[in-house]
Every structure is written in C-alpha cells, then in structure tokens.
Amino acid sequence: MSEKKQIARAAGVLGFATIISRIMGMVRDMAVSRLFGAGLYTDAFFAAFQIPNMLRRFFAEGALTSAFVPTFSEWYTQRGEDEARELANICFTLLTIVMAGVTLAGIILSPWIVSLMFPGFKSQPAKLELTIFLNRLMFPYIFFISLVALCMGILNTVRHFFTPAISTVFLNVSMILCAWLLHDRFQVPITALAVGVLVGGVLQLLLQLPTLWRKGFPIRLRFVTGHPAVRKIALLMGPSIFGVGVYYLNLTVGNILASLLPQGSVSYLYYAQRLFEFPQGIFTVSVAQAVLPSMSRQAAAGEIDQLKESLGFGLRLTLFITIPATAGLMMCSTPIFSLLFMGGEFDYAKAVNCGIALFYYSLGLSLVALVRVLVPAFYALKDTRTPVAIAFGAFLLNVGASLLLMGPLKHGGLALASSLSALGNMGLLLYFLRRKIGPFGGRGIVVSGLKACLASLPMALVVRWVVSLQGWSAGGHKIAKVGTLGAAVAGGVVIYMTIAHLLRCDEAREVVAQVRRRLTR
C-alpha cells in the first residue's frame, strides 16, 4: 500500500473512532446537565477537571507524543524491533515513575493550584473546598492518560490507530455510567462523575496493553537511566509543550479577557469552543496523528523526498476536509445552538451570541488544522526551536489582536483574534519549513485548496438556503429543526463531493476509494 493510501486510511480510522467518541461526549454532557444542572457543583467539577485535562493536552497528547513518536520511529527503523521494544519498556518505566511523582505533587498542592487558577472561588469557600476535593480525586487521571499517550505513540508507529483512538469512548461511557448509577451513593452526588473520570483513565490504559502484546510490544518494567533515546525525547519535550499547546493557551487568554466583557461572554466562548472542537477533533487531529508516524519514519531513514510527499498529501487532505467544514459551520452556527441548547435559561439571544463566536472561530478551522500537520513535520526533523519561536509569536499576535478587537466586536473579537493568530502561525510555519527542506508541493496544495473552495461555495449557498426554511428563534420544534439541519448537512456533503469529483480532486477519489473498500470488506 502506498504511503498516501496508508495516511488516508489511518486518518479515516482515526476520524471514525473520534466521531464515536465525540458523540458519546455529547451524550455525556447531556447526562451531566440532566443530573446535576448548572450551578455550584458543576462549576466545581468542570474547574477541577480542567486542571488534569489541561495537563493532558499540553503534556500527554502534546509534548510527549510529538517528542516520542519521531525518536521511537527512528529507533524502530534503524535499530530494529528488539531495540525498539527495549526502548518502549524503558520509557514506560521511567514515565510511570515521573508521572507518579507529578500526580502526588498535584494532589498535595491542589489547594494552591485551584486558588491560583480560579481566584474567584475564594469568595465562595464551599465551592473552593469542593473544587479542591474533586481535583485531588481526579488528578491521577493525568498519570493514566500519560501512559496511554505513550502506548498510542508505539501503536501509531507500527501503524495501528484504532485502539488508541477509540479508547476515549471508554472515558465517556465510564463517566455516564458512574454518574447515573452512583450519584445517589455520595453525600455530594457529583463526586460520582469524578469517580467516572478516574475509572475511565484506568480503562483507557488497560485497553492498550493487550493490543501492544499482539503487536509484539508486551510492556515490562525496565529501569535504565542514561539511554540516549530517552535523553533525546526529554530534550525534545520541553520546547514541544509550548509549540503544541499554543492553541489552548490562546483559548485560555480569550477566556480571561472575556471576563472583562458583558456577562455571558465567557459562556458564549465556551459553548462555541465545544462545537468548534467537534470537527477539529475528528478531522484535524486525525490527519495530524496519521501523518506523523509516516514523516517520522521517513525522516529517520533520510527519505526527505518521501517526507515531502507525505507532508504535501497531509496538507491537501486537511484542506479538502476542513474547508467545507468551515463553510458549513459558518452557515449553520446559530441554527446549531438553537437546536442543541435552546430551552430554559438559554434563549435565542444567547444562541445568536454563541453563533457569532462560532462563526469567527470557524474562520480559523483550516488554519488550526494546517498548523497541527506542519508542527509535527518540524518534530520529525528533530527541530523544536523553530515551531516554539513561531508559537510564541502567534501567542503575542493573539494577545494584541484580542485587545484591539474585543472593544468593537466583544466576544466575537476574541474568537476572531484566535483565528488571526492561527493564520500567522500557519504562514510562518510554511515559510520556515520550505526554507528548511525546500519545496514540498506548494502549487499542488494551493490548487487543492482552491478546488475545495470552489466546491464549498455552492455547497454553502444551498446549506444557507435550506436552513433559512426553518424558524430558529422559536423554542421547541426539535424534530423539524433536526430534519432541516440534517437535510442541510446531507445535501451539503453530496454537493461538495459531486463538485469535487467533477473538479478531479485527488483527495475526493481517495476518500471514495476508502469508503468503497470499507463497504466491500
């Protein structure tokens, strides 16, 4: 199988697994809202869970994956499976020790961490104490998810993607079941949800181990210090934390500044981010995770031309998927909130305000996706300084744009600033990567992007017309709204794929071929 087909197949597997996970995440949010509502207890839980979850994004799924996969791929390619197995066991052992220390420190320091990150809770002692308790209970989640990230890197290197991707479903299912079955067994019912997080982390790790054994990498504890590959991973990880996590750092800055805007601005951005991350998690992360092992293996083998080909295809596939998703989100931003959230205290005015934030976030969907593919290319080439320096510049751009736009555009300006920051980040990454490795199919990437735009334009017009047939300002009418939005999405996909096929988009043919192979099997 060619490298392009392998990347497309891997992205499809990851995308399918992520869709299931995101749907279960939506079900989880519905269950939480039904059981616990919105108030002191949910505020405390979401704040407490944000701390280990933020560490997961920055460390486990960010810096660790970006540093480990290129180094492990190099070891696997050049030294063979036995040496790679030895490295995997050493890394697993050392990571277990390090994360045990981090977890213990986090539990002990929870009062200071919570007070620092959520100073507003100090005026409500009950909320502060509950947040500290829940944070201590859930902090071991970062221990388990870090080991899961290491297992994911090993499995992705040997071209197994499904098990790591589907494991997040177990977290959502665990949280749902614990919330429903155990909430009346605790003095503070929402404690059951925190127990679900902890159980979910254990299940995610246990799911990886049999698959690793079948793939020839049974995990055994092997304590060795001074291994050259381990030193290389450690050196790569430090800069990677900022390089990979700048997007989430920008969102954090946006939330802080939103607290200075009219009441509700923080919530508008939060709800918009949740929906924005739905296609981002399915498409962006899937392509980035699929292309990283290929580029790492090719860089380790000195196959720069093949690396350029994999990178170019990953960028073209990213544009092919995210450009129509951008158009769809922009056209359906307010209808989506009207369908999913309107009711009770969430009226149409709030749906419109959330839709404004989602509209501006959507402008950066393709840009964020391209960044997620470009950054791993630098890491595959063992260059961590360049993306970190660029990320710092993008962070400063976000802060400056936020301060300029939050006045006239309110919370919409903060969302737009995030997209502008992604544009600057993407542009600089392209420029410096081209200087580093030479041309990597820029003309083909531009042509693919233009074809995707041409196919997306009529799609967007039709989607806009379909959603205009339904009144979204009225509450209720869920069946009619689901039917209208479903027809808009289905019609948009058909129109886009048809026009893309007529424009002879290679990516469209590859996607159709993958679907046919799946159906045939």
Protein backbone atom coordinates (compact mmCIF):
# COMPACT_ATOMS: atom_id res chain seq x y z
CA MET A 1 0.00 0.00 0.00
CA SER A 2 1.35 3.45 -0.92
CA GLU A 3 2.17 5.99 1.79
CA LYS A 4 -0.71 8.23 0.65
CA LYS A 5 -3.21 5.40 0.96
CA GLN A 6 -1.83 4.46 4.36
CA ILE A 7 -2.16 8.05 5.59
CA ALA A 8 -5.71 8.35 4.20
CA ARG A 9 -6.68 5.01 5.70
CA ALA A 10 -5.22 5.92 9.07
CA ALA A 11 -6.98 9.30 9.01
CA GLY A 12 -10.24 7.52 8.19
CA VAL A 13 -9.84 5.09 11.09
CA LEU A 14 -8.97 7.90 13.48
CA GLY A 15 -11.83 10.02 12.20
CA PHE A 16 -14.36 7.21 12.61
CA ALA A 17 -13.20 6.46 16.15
CA THR A 18 -13.20 10.16 17.03
CA ILE A 19 -16.75 10.62 15.70
CA ILE A 20 -17.94 7.88 18.05
CA SER A 21 -16.03 9.47 20.92
CA ARG A 22 -17.40 12.96 20.22
CA ILE A 23 -20.95 11.67 20.02
CA MET A 24 -20.50 9.92 23.35
CA GLY A 25 -19.03 13.15 24.71
CA MET A 26 -22.20 14.98 23.67
CA VAL A 27 -24.30 12.28 25.35
CA ARG A 28 -22.12 12.68 28.45
CA ASP A 29 -22.74 16.44 28.53
CA MET A 30 -26.49 15.86 28.19
CA ALA A 31 -26.41 13.35 31.05
CA VAL A 32 -24.42 15.74 33.26
CA SER A 33 -26.79 18.62 32.58
CA ARG A 34 -29.84 16.43 33.33
CA LEU A 35 -28.44 15.00 36.56
CA PHE A 36 -26.57 17.97 38.00
CA GLY A 37 -27.92 21.03 36.17
CA ALA A 38 -25.75 24.14 36.23
CA GLY A 39 -24.56 25.70 39.45
CA LEU A 40 -22.07 25.39 42.27
CA TYR A 41 -21.46 21.65 41.86
CA THR A 42 -20.98 21.64 38.10
CA ASP A 43 -18.81 24.76 38.30
CA ALA A 44 -16.60 22.99 40.82
CA PHE A 45 -16.39 19.80 38.75
CA PHE A 46 -15.59 21.49 35.43
CA ALA A 47 -12.97 23.69 37.10
CA ALA A 48 -11.39 20.71 38.87
CA PHE A 49 -11.39 18.57 35.73
CA GLN A 50 -9.89 21.39 33.68
CA ILE A 51 -6.56 21.09 35.52
CA PRO A 52 -5.65 17.46 34.69
CA ASN A 53 -7.35 17.86 31.31
CA MET A 54 -5.14 20.85 30.50
CA LEU A 55 -2.07 18.85 31.51
CA ARG A 56 -3.29 16.08 29.19
CA ARG A 57 -3.48 18.45 26.24
CA PHE A 58 -0.14 20.11 26.86
CA PHE A 59 1.88 17.16 28.11
CA ALA A 60 0.45 13.72 27.36
CA GLU A 61 -1.14 14.22 23.96
CA GLY A 62 1.01 17.21 23.05
CA ALA A 63 4.67 17.30 24.03
CA LEU A 64 5.05 13.60 24.87
CA THR A 65 3.54 12.36 21.61
CA SER A 66 5.41 14.91 19.47
CA ALA A 67 8.76 14.07 21.11
CA PHE A 68 8.35 10.31 21.49
CA VAL A 69 6.98 9.29 18.07
CA PRO A 70 9.85 10.72 15.93
CA THR A 71 12.52 9.29 18.25
CA PHE A 72 10.84 5.91 18.61
CA SER A 73 10.27 5.74 14.82
CA GLU A 74 13.96 6.45 14.25
CA TRP A 75 14.94 3.72 16.72
CA TYR A 76 12.43 1.28 15.22
CA THR A 77 13.59 1.98 11.65
CA GLN A 78 17.33 1.99 12.22
CA ARG A 79 17.82 -0.41 15.17
CA GLY A 80 15.07 -2.97 14.62
CA GLU A 81 12.15 -4.27 16.65
CA ASP A 82 14.18 -5.70 19.55
CA GLU A 83 15.88 -2.37 20.28
CA ALA A 84 12.57 -0.55 19.86
CA ARG A 85 10.91 -2.95 22.31
CA GLU A 86 13.67 -2.27 24.84
CA LEU A 87 13.22 1.49 24.39
CA ALA A 88 9.45 1.19 24.81
CA ASN A 89 9.82 -0.67 28.10
CA ILE A 90 12.39 1.80 29.44
CA CYS A 91 10.22 4.79 28.51
CA PHE A 92 7.13 3.20 30.06
CA THR A 93 9.02 2.52 33.31
CA LEU A 94 10.54 5.99 33.57
CA LEU A 95 7.27 7.68 32.64
CA THR A 96 5.49 5.67 35.34
CA ILE A 97 7.95 6.94 37.95
CA VAL A 98 7.85 10.56 36.76
CA MET A 99 4.06 10.73 36.48
CA ALA A 100 3.63 9.11 39.88
CA GLY A 101 5.67 11.99 41.31
CA VAL A 102 3.69 14.57 39.31
CA THR A 103 0.41 13.06 40.47
CA LEU A 104 1.46 13.04 44.12
CA ALA A 105 2.63 16.65 43.87
CA GLY A 106 -0.62 17.67 42.21
CA ILE A 107 -2.70 16.06 44.95
CA ILE A 108 -0.66 17.73 47.70
CA LEU A 109 -0.60 21.14 46.00
CA SER A 110 -4.26 21.13 44.89
CA PRO A 111 -5.29 23.97 47.28
CA TRP A 112 -2.66 26.29 45.82
CA ILE A 113 -3.25 25.20 42.21
CA VAL A 114 -7.02 25.70 42.43
CA SER A 115 -6.69 29.06 44.18
CA LEU A 116 -4.22 30.27 41.57
CA MET A 117 -6.25 29.19 38.55
CA PHE A 118 -9.69 30.13 39.90
CA PRO A 119 -9.23 33.12 42.21
CA GLY A 120 -12.93 33.96 42.03
CA PHE A 121 -13.74 30.83 44.01
CA LYS A 122 -12.08 32.30 47.12
CA SER A 123 -15.21 34.33 47.81
CA GLN A 124 -17.24 31.06 47.96
CA PRO A 125 -15.48 28.76 50.46
CA ALA A 126 -17.85 25.83 49.81
CA LYS A 127 -17.16 25.90 46.07
CA LEU A 128 -13.41 26.25 46.66
CA GLU A 129 -13.28 23.29 49.04
CA LEU A 130 -15.34 21.10 46.70
CA THR A 131 -13.13 22.01 43.74
CA ILE A 132 -10.00 21.10 45.71
CA PHE A 133 -11.54 17.76 46.76
CA LEU A 134 -12.62 16.89 43.18
CA ASN A 135 -9.27 17.96 41.76
CA ARG A 136 -7.43 15.69 44.21
CA LEU A 137 -9.74 12.83 43.31
CA MET A 138 -9.26 13.28 39.55
CA PHE A 139 -5.59 14.25 39.45
CA PRO A 140 -4.41 10.62 38.98
CA TYR A 141 -6.14 10.78 35.58
CA ILE A 142 -3.03 12.52 34.21
CA PHE A 143 -0.94 9.51 35.35
CA PHE A 144 -3.02 7.02 33.38
CA ILE A 145 -3.56 9.20 30.31
CA SER A 146 0.18 9.91 30.01
CA LEU A 147 0.88 6.18 29.84
CA VAL A 148 -1.96 5.88 27.32
CA ALA A 149 -0.27 8.56 25.19
CA LEU A 150 2.99 6.59 25.25
CA CYS A 151 1.18 3.41 24.21
CA MET A 152 -0.54 5.39 21.47
CA GLY A 153 2.83 6.53 20.13
CA ILE A 154 4.09 2.95 20.00
CA LEU A 155 0.96 1.64 18.28
CA ASN A 156 0.81 4.50 15.78
CA THR A 157 4.44 3.87 14.82
CA VAL A 158 3.58 0.26 13.93
CA ARG A 159 0.52 1.57 12.06
CA HIS A 160 -2.21 0.63 14.49
CA PHE A 161 -4.53 3.56 15.11
CA PHE A 162 -7.96 2.29 16.08
CA THR A 163 -7.40 1.14 19.68
CA PRO A 164 -5.82 4.40 20.93
CA ALA A 165 -8.42 6.49 19.12
CA ILE A 166 -11.42 4.54 20.39
CA SER A 167 -10.17 4.47 23.98
CA THR A 168 -11.65 7.91 24.75
CA VAL A 169 -15.08 6.35 24.29
CA PHE A 170 -14.38 4.35 27.45
CA LEU A 171 -13.80 7.57 29.39
CA ASN A 172 -17.16 8.99 28.29
CA VAL A 173 -19.01 5.73 28.93
CA SER A 174 -17.41 5.43 32.37
CA MET A 175 -18.43 8.97 33.29
CA ILE A 176 -22.00 8.41 32.08
CA LEU A 177 -22.44 5.10 33.92
CA CYS A 178 -20.86 6.29 37.16
CA ALA A 179 -22.96 9.45 37.09
CA TRP A 180 -26.22 7.54 36.54
CA LEU A 181 -25.54 4.60 38.85
CA LEU A 182 -23.56 6.16 41.69
CA HIS A 183 -24.76 9.76 42.05
CA ASP A 184 -27.13 8.89 44.89
CA ARG A 185 -24.45 6.97 46.79
CA PHE A 186 -22.33 10.05 47.65
CA GLN A 187 -23.08 12.87 50.02
CA VAL A 188 -22.11 15.21 47.17
CA PRO A 189 -23.65 13.50 44.11
CA ILE A 190 -21.27 14.98 41.55
CA THR A 191 -18.45 13.01 43.20
CA ALA A 192 -19.70 10.09 41.10
CA LEU A 193 -18.70 11.97 37.96
CA ALA A 194 -15.16 12.42 39.27
CA VAL A 195 -15.01 8.69 40.05
CA GLY A 196 -16.05 8.08 36.45
CA VAL A 197 -13.07 10.12 35.23
CA LEU A 198 -10.68 8.05 37.32
CA VAL A 199 -12.20 4.73 36.26
CA GLY A 200 -12.17 5.88 32.64
CA GLY A 201 -8.45 6.61 32.81
CA VAL A 202 -7.74 3.11 34.13
CA LEU A 203 -9.90 1.52 31.41
CA GLN A 204 -8.15 3.53 28.68
CA LEU A 205 -4.76 2.20 29.80
CA LEU A 206 -5.92 -1.39 30.21
CA LEU A 207 -7.34 -1.31 26.68
CA GLN A 208 -3.90 -0.59 25.18
CA LEU A 209 -1.94 -3.41 26.83
CA PRO A 210 -3.42 -6.46 25.01
CA THR A 211 -3.05 -4.68 21.66
CA LEU A 212 0.59 -3.86 22.41
CA TRP A 213 1.18 -7.52 23.27
CA ARG A 214 -0.38 -8.66 19.98
CA LYS A 215 1.77 -6.19 18.04
CA GLY A 216 4.96 -7.56 19.60
CA PHE A 217 5.43 -4.94 22.31
CA PRO A 218 4.45 -6.54 25.63
CA ILE A 219 5.05 -3.97 28.33
CA ARG A 220 7.55 -4.95 31.01
CA LEU A 221 9.11 -2.70 33.63
CA ARG A 222 12.73 -1.96 32.70
CA PHE A 223 14.53 0.67 34.75
CA VAL A 224 17.53 2.06 32.86
CA THR A 225 18.93 5.58 33.14
CA GLY A 226 21.08 7.34 30.59
CA HIS A 227 19.61 5.70 27.47
CA PRO A 228 20.49 8.01 24.53
CA ALA A 229 16.99 7.89 23.02
CA VAL A 230 15.42 8.78 26.37
CA ARG A 231 17.68 11.81 26.66
CA LYS A 232 16.68 12.86 23.16
CA ILE A 233 12.97 12.53 23.99
CA ALA A 234 13.42 14.57 27.17
CA LEU A 235 15.24 17.33 25.27
CA LEU A 236 12.51 17.45 22.62
CA MET A 237 9.65 17.52 25.11
CA GLY A 238 10.45 20.81 26.82
CA PRO A 239 10.02 23.07 23.79
CA SER A 240 7.21 20.90 22.43
CA ILE A 241 4.93 21.79 25.33
CA PHE A 242 4.61 25.39 24.16
CA GLY A 243 4.77 24.62 20.44
CA VAL A 244 1.89 22.15 20.54
CA GLY A 245 -0.15 23.86 23.27
CA VAL A 246 -0.21 27.44 21.97
CA TYR A 247 -3.74 26.98 20.58
CA TYR A 248 -5.09 26.01 24.01
CA LEU A 249 -3.08 28.80 25.61
CA ASN A 250 -4.76 31.26 23.24
CA LEU A 251 -8.17 29.94 24.24
CA THR A 252 -7.24 30.42 27.89
CA VAL A 253 -6.23 34.04 27.24
CA GLY A 254 -9.53 34.57 25.45
CA ASN A 255 -11.48 33.27 28.43
CA ILE A 256 -9.55 35.53 30.81
CA LEU A 257 -10.23 38.62 28.69
CA ALA A 258 -13.86 37.60 28.21
CA SER A 259 -14.34 38.00 31.95
CA LEU A 260 -13.87 41.74 31.35
CA LEU A 261 -16.74 41.83 28.84
CA PRO A 262 -20.51 41.84 29.48
CA GLN A 263 -21.94 38.96 31.47
CA GLY A 264 -22.27 35.78 29.45
CA SER A 265 -19.22 36.37 27.26
CA VAL A 266 -17.21 33.59 28.89
CA SER A 267 -20.09 31.17 28.37
CA TYR A 268 -20.54 32.18 24.73
CA LEU A 269 -16.89 31.40 24.03
CA TYR A 270 -17.02 28.13 25.99
CA TYR A 271 -20.03 26.77 24.12
CA ALA A 272 -18.59 27.89 20.77
CA GLN A 273 -15.26 26.23 21.56
CA ARG A 274 -17.03 22.97 22.38
CA LEU A 275 -18.71 22.86 18.99
CA PHE A 276 -15.62 24.14 17.17
CA GLU A 277 -13.59 21.31 18.67
CA PHE A 278 -16.03 18.73 17.30
CA PRO A 279 -14.83 18.90 13.66
CA GLN A 280 -11.34 19.83 14.81
CA GLY A 281 -11.07 16.69 16.90
CA ILE A 282 -12.47 14.50 14.14
CA PHE A 283 -10.56 15.88 11.15
CA THR A 284 -7.58 17.90 12.35
CA VAL A 285 -6.23 15.55 14.98
CA SER A 286 -6.98 12.50 12.81
CA VAL A 287 -4.87 13.70 9.87
CA ALA A 288 -2.09 15.00 12.13
CA GLN A 289 -1.84 11.71 14.03
CA ALA A 290 -1.97 9.73 10.80
CA VAL A 291 0.81 11.63 9.03
CA LEU A 292 3.25 11.96 11.97
CA PRO A 293 4.41 8.30 12.04
CA SER A 294 4.97 8.34 8.27
CA MET A 295 7.02 11.54 8.37
CA SER A 296 8.98 10.36 11.42
CA ARG A 297 9.85 7.07 9.75
CA GLN A 298 10.87 8.78 6.51
CA ALA A 299 12.98 11.37 8.34
CA ALA A 300 14.71 8.60 10.30
CA ALA A 301 15.52 6.80 7.03
CA GLY A 302 16.77 10.00 5.38
CA GLU A 303 13.95 9.86 2.81
CA ILE A 304 13.33 13.61 2.62
CA ASP A 305 11.60 13.46 -0.78
CA GLN A 306 9.14 10.90 0.56
CA LEU A 307 8.65 13.01 3.67
CA LYS A 308 7.78 15.99 1.47
CA GLU A 309 5.28 13.85 -0.41
CA SER A 310 3.61 12.66 2.81
CA LEU A 311 3.53 16.22 4.16
CA GLY A 312 2.06 17.60 0.95
CA PHE A 313 -0.62 14.94 0.86
CA GLY A 314 -1.45 15.51 4.53
CA LEU A 315 -1.87 19.25 3.90
CA ARG A 316 -4.01 18.68 0.80
CA LEU A 317 -6.20 16.16 2.62
CA THR A 318 -6.55 18.60 5.53
CA LEU A 319 -7.75 21.40 3.24
CA PHE A 320 -10.10 19.07 1.38
CA ILE A 321 -11.82 18.13 4.64
CA THR A 322 -11.72 21.35 6.66
CA ILE A 323 -12.65 23.96 4.04
CA PRO A 324 -16.20 22.59 3.56
CA ALA A 325 -16.44 22.05 7.33
CA THR A 326 -15.58 25.75 7.78
CA ALA A 327 -18.27 26.80 5.31
CA GLY A 328 -20.82 24.54 6.97
CA LEU A 329 -20.12 25.83 10.47
CA MET A 330 -20.32 29.44 9.31
CA MET A 331 -23.69 28.89 7.64
CA CYS A 332 -25.15 26.83 10.48
CA SER A 333 -23.62 28.46 13.54
CA THR A 334 -26.78 29.91 15.08
CA PRO A 335 -29.11 27.03 13.96
CA ILE A 336 -26.78 24.53 15.68
CA PHE A 337 -27.12 26.35 19.01
CA SER A 338 -30.85 26.77 18.51
CA LEU A 339 -31.22 23.01 18.07
CA LEU A 340 -28.85 21.76 20.76
CA PHE A 341 -29.08 24.33 23.54
CA MET A 342 -32.21 26.48 23.33
CA GLY A 343 -34.57 25.95 26.21
CA GLY A 344 -34.90 27.05 29.80
CA GLU A 345 -32.42 29.81 30.57
CA PHE A 346 -30.80 29.51 27.14
CA ASP A 347 -32.85 31.76 24.86
CA TYR A 348 -32.43 32.75 21.20
CA ALA A 349 -30.34 35.82 22.04
CA LYS A 350 -27.78 33.56 23.69
CA ALA A 351 -27.88 31.23 20.68
CA VAL A 352 -27.12 34.18 18.41
CA ASN A 353 -24.22 35.33 20.60
CA CYS A 354 -22.78 31.81 20.69
CA GLY A 355 -23.27 31.61 16.93
CA ILE A 356 -21.23 34.80 16.48
CA ALA A 357 -18.33 33.28 18.42
CA LEU A 358 -18.56 30.01 16.46
CA PHE A 359 -18.64 31.95 13.17
CA TYR A 360 -15.35 33.69 13.96
CA TYR A 361 -13.74 30.56 15.37
CA SER A 362 -14.74 28.72 12.20
CA LEU A 363 -12.65 31.08 10.10
CA GLY A 364 -9.58 29.51 11.68
CA LEU A 365 -10.57 25.85 11.37
CA SER A 366 -8.42 25.12 8.30
CA LEU A 367 -5.59 27.25 9.69
CA VAL A 368 -5.50 25.40 13.01
CA ALA A 369 -5.67 22.12 11.10
CA LEU A 370 -2.69 23.05 8.92
CA VAL A 371 -0.69 24.05 11.99
CA ARG A 372 -1.38 20.66 13.56
CA VAL A 373 0.10 18.95 10.48
CA LEU A 374 3.04 21.35 9.98
CA VAL A 375 4.35 21.31 13.55
CA PRO A 376 4.91 17.51 13.59
CA ALA A 377 6.95 17.90 10.39
CA PHE A 378 9.47 20.00 12.35
CA TYR A 379 9.48 17.49 15.18
CA ALA A 380 10.02 14.63 12.72
CA LEU A 381 13.12 16.53 11.59
CA LYS A 382 14.22 16.96 15.25
CA ASP A 383 13.66 20.74 15.11
CA THR A 384 11.78 22.00 18.16
CA ARG A 385 13.16 25.54 18.33
CA THR A 386 11.52 26.88 15.17
CA PRO A 387 7.89 25.92 15.92
CA VAL A 388 8.28 27.11 19.53
CA ALA A 389 9.58 30.51 18.43
CA ILE A 390 6.76 30.80 15.90
CA ALA A 391 4.21 29.71 18.50
CA PHE A 392 5.41 32.44 20.86
CA GLY A 393 4.99 34.99 18.07
CA ALA A 394 1.47 33.66 17.37
CA PHE A 395 0.67 33.94 21.08
CA LEU A 396 1.73 37.60 21.12
CA LEU A 397 -0.33 38.19 17.96
CA ASN A 398 -3.37 36.69 19.67
CA VAL A 399 -2.97 38.89 22.74
CA GLY A 400 -2.55 42.04 20.63
CA ALA A 401 -5.45 41.21 18.30
CA SER A 402 -7.67 40.33 21.26
CA LEU A 403 -7.03 43.69 22.93
CA LEU A 404 -7.77 45.52 19.67
CA LEU A 405 -10.90 43.57 18.67
CA MET A 406 -12.61 42.92 22.00
CA GLY A 407 -13.81 46.53 22.12
CA PRO A 408 -15.70 46.75 18.82
CA LEU A 409 -16.60 43.06 18.39
CA LYS A 410 -16.87 41.99 22.07
CA HIS A 411 -16.56 38.22 22.47
CA GLY A 412 -16.61 37.81 18.70
CA GLY A 413 -13.38 39.81 18.55
CA LEU A 414 -11.69 37.34 20.90
CA ALA A 415 -12.74 34.44 18.68
CA LEU A 416 -11.53 36.31 15.58
CA ALA A 417 -8.19 37.03 17.29
CA SER A 418 -7.71 33.29 17.79
CA SER A 419 -8.24 32.72 14.07
CA LEU A 420 -5.84 35.54 13.13
CA SER A 421 -3.24 34.04 15.45
CA ALA A 422 -3.65 30.69 13.68
CA LEU A 423 -3.17 32.45 10.33
CA GLY A 424 0.11 33.99 11.46
CA ASN A 425 1.26 30.70 12.95
CA MET A 426 0.45 28.76 9.79
CA GLY A 427 2.07 31.29 7.45
CA LEU A 428 5.36 31.37 9.37
CA LEU A 429 5.47 27.58 9.69
CA LEU A 430 5.05 27.20 5.93
CA TYR A 431 7.76 29.77 5.24
CA PHE A 432 10.39 28.32 7.56
CA LEU A 433 9.64 24.71 6.68
CA ARG A 434 10.11 25.50 2.99
CA ARG A 435 13.43 27.12 3.81
CA LYS A 436 14.42 24.04 5.77
CA ILE A 437 13.54 21.24 3.33
CA GLY A 438 12.80 23.04 0.08
CA PRO A 439 9.54 22.98 -1.91
CA PHE A 440 7.04 20.34 -0.86
CA GLY A 441 4.31 20.69 -3.46
CA GLY A 442 3.11 24.18 -2.66
CA ARG A 443 1.46 24.63 -6.05
CA GLY A 444 -0.48 21.39 -5.66
CA ILE A 445 -1.54 22.40 -2.15
CA VAL A 446 -2.81 25.77 -3.40
CA VAL A 447 -4.66 24.13 -6.30
CA SER A 448 -6.28 21.62 -3.95
CA GLY A 449 -7.31 24.44 -1.61
CA LEU A 450 -8.82 26.44 -4.48
CA LYS A 451 -10.75 23.40 -5.72
CA ALA A 452 -12.06 22.83 -2.21
CA CYS A 453 -13.15 26.49 -2.04
CA LEU A 454 -14.88 26.28 -5.43
CA ALA A 455 -16.74 23.14 -4.37
CA SER A 456 -17.62 24.67 -0.99
CA LEU A 457 -19.17 27.86 -2.41
CA PRO A 458 -22.29 26.31 -3.99
CA MET A 459 -22.48 23.93 -1.07
CA ALA A 460 -22.59 26.88 1.36
CA LEU A 461 -25.30 28.63 -0.67
CA VAL A 462 -27.51 25.56 -0.69
CA VAL A 463 -26.94 24.93 3.03
CA ARG A 464 -27.78 28.55 3.78
CA TRP A 465 -30.99 28.30 1.75
CA VAL A 466 -32.07 25.07 3.44
CA VAL A 467 -31.55 26.38 7.00
CA SER A 468 -33.45 29.58 6.10
CA LEU A 469 -36.58 27.45 5.59
CA GLN A 470 -36.80 26.83 9.34
CA GLY A 471 -37.54 29.38 12.05
CA TRP A 472 -34.75 29.07 14.60
CA SER A 473 -35.82 31.80 17.02
CA ALA A 474 -38.71 29.79 18.44
CA GLY A 475 -38.17 27.20 21.12
CA GLY A 476 -39.13 23.56 20.67
CA HIS A 477 -39.80 22.13 17.17
CA LYS A 478 -36.87 19.76 17.72
CA ILE A 479 -37.95 17.25 15.08
CA ALA A 480 -38.35 19.96 12.43
CA LYS A 481 -35.02 21.50 13.36
CA VAL A 482 -33.22 18.15 13.29
CA GLY A 483 -34.76 17.40 9.89
CA THR A 484 -33.80 20.77 8.46
CA LEU A 485 -30.25 20.75 9.78
CA GLY A 486 -29.80 17.09 8.79
CA ALA A 487 -31.03 17.82 5.26
CA ALA A 488 -28.67 20.80 5.03
CA VAL A 489 -25.67 18.73 6.12
CA ALA A 490 -26.50 15.73 3.93
CA GLY A 491 -27.23 17.92 0.92
CA GLY A 492 -24.05 19.88 1.50
CA VAL A 493 -21.91 16.72 1.60
CA VAL A 494 -23.44 15.40 -1.63
CA ILE A 495 -22.99 18.71 -3.44
CA TYR A 496 -19.44 19.14 -2.24
CA MET A 497 -18.32 15.62 -3.12
CA THR A 498 -20.03 15.80 -6.53
CA ILE A 499 -18.38 19.09 -7.47
CA ALA A 500 -15.03 17.95 -6.05
CA HIS A 501 -15.26 14.83 -8.21
CA LEU A 502 -16.05 16.94 -11.28
CA LEU A 503 -13.06 19.15 -10.47
CA ARG A 504 -10.93 15.96 -10.34
CA CYS A 505 -9.79 16.36 -6.78
CA ASP A 506 -7.40 13.51 -5.97
CA GLU A 507 -8.43 13.64 -2.33
CA ALA A 508 -12.09 13.09 -3.26
CA ARG A 509 -11.18 9.98 -5.22
CA GLU A 510 -9.07 8.71 -2.32
CA VAL A 511 -11.91 9.25 0.16
CA VAL A 512 -14.42 7.50 -2.12
CA ALA A 513 -11.98 4.61 -2.65
CA GLN A 514 -11.55 4.21 1.11
CA VAL A 515 -15.32 4.13 1.61
CA ARG A 516 -15.73 1.54 -1.16
CA ARG A 517 -13.03 -0.66 0.34
CA ARG A 518 -14.71 -0.47 3.74
CA LEU A 519 -18.12 -1.34 2.29
CA THR A 520 -16.65 -4.20 0.27
CA ARG A 521 -14.98 -5.65 3.34
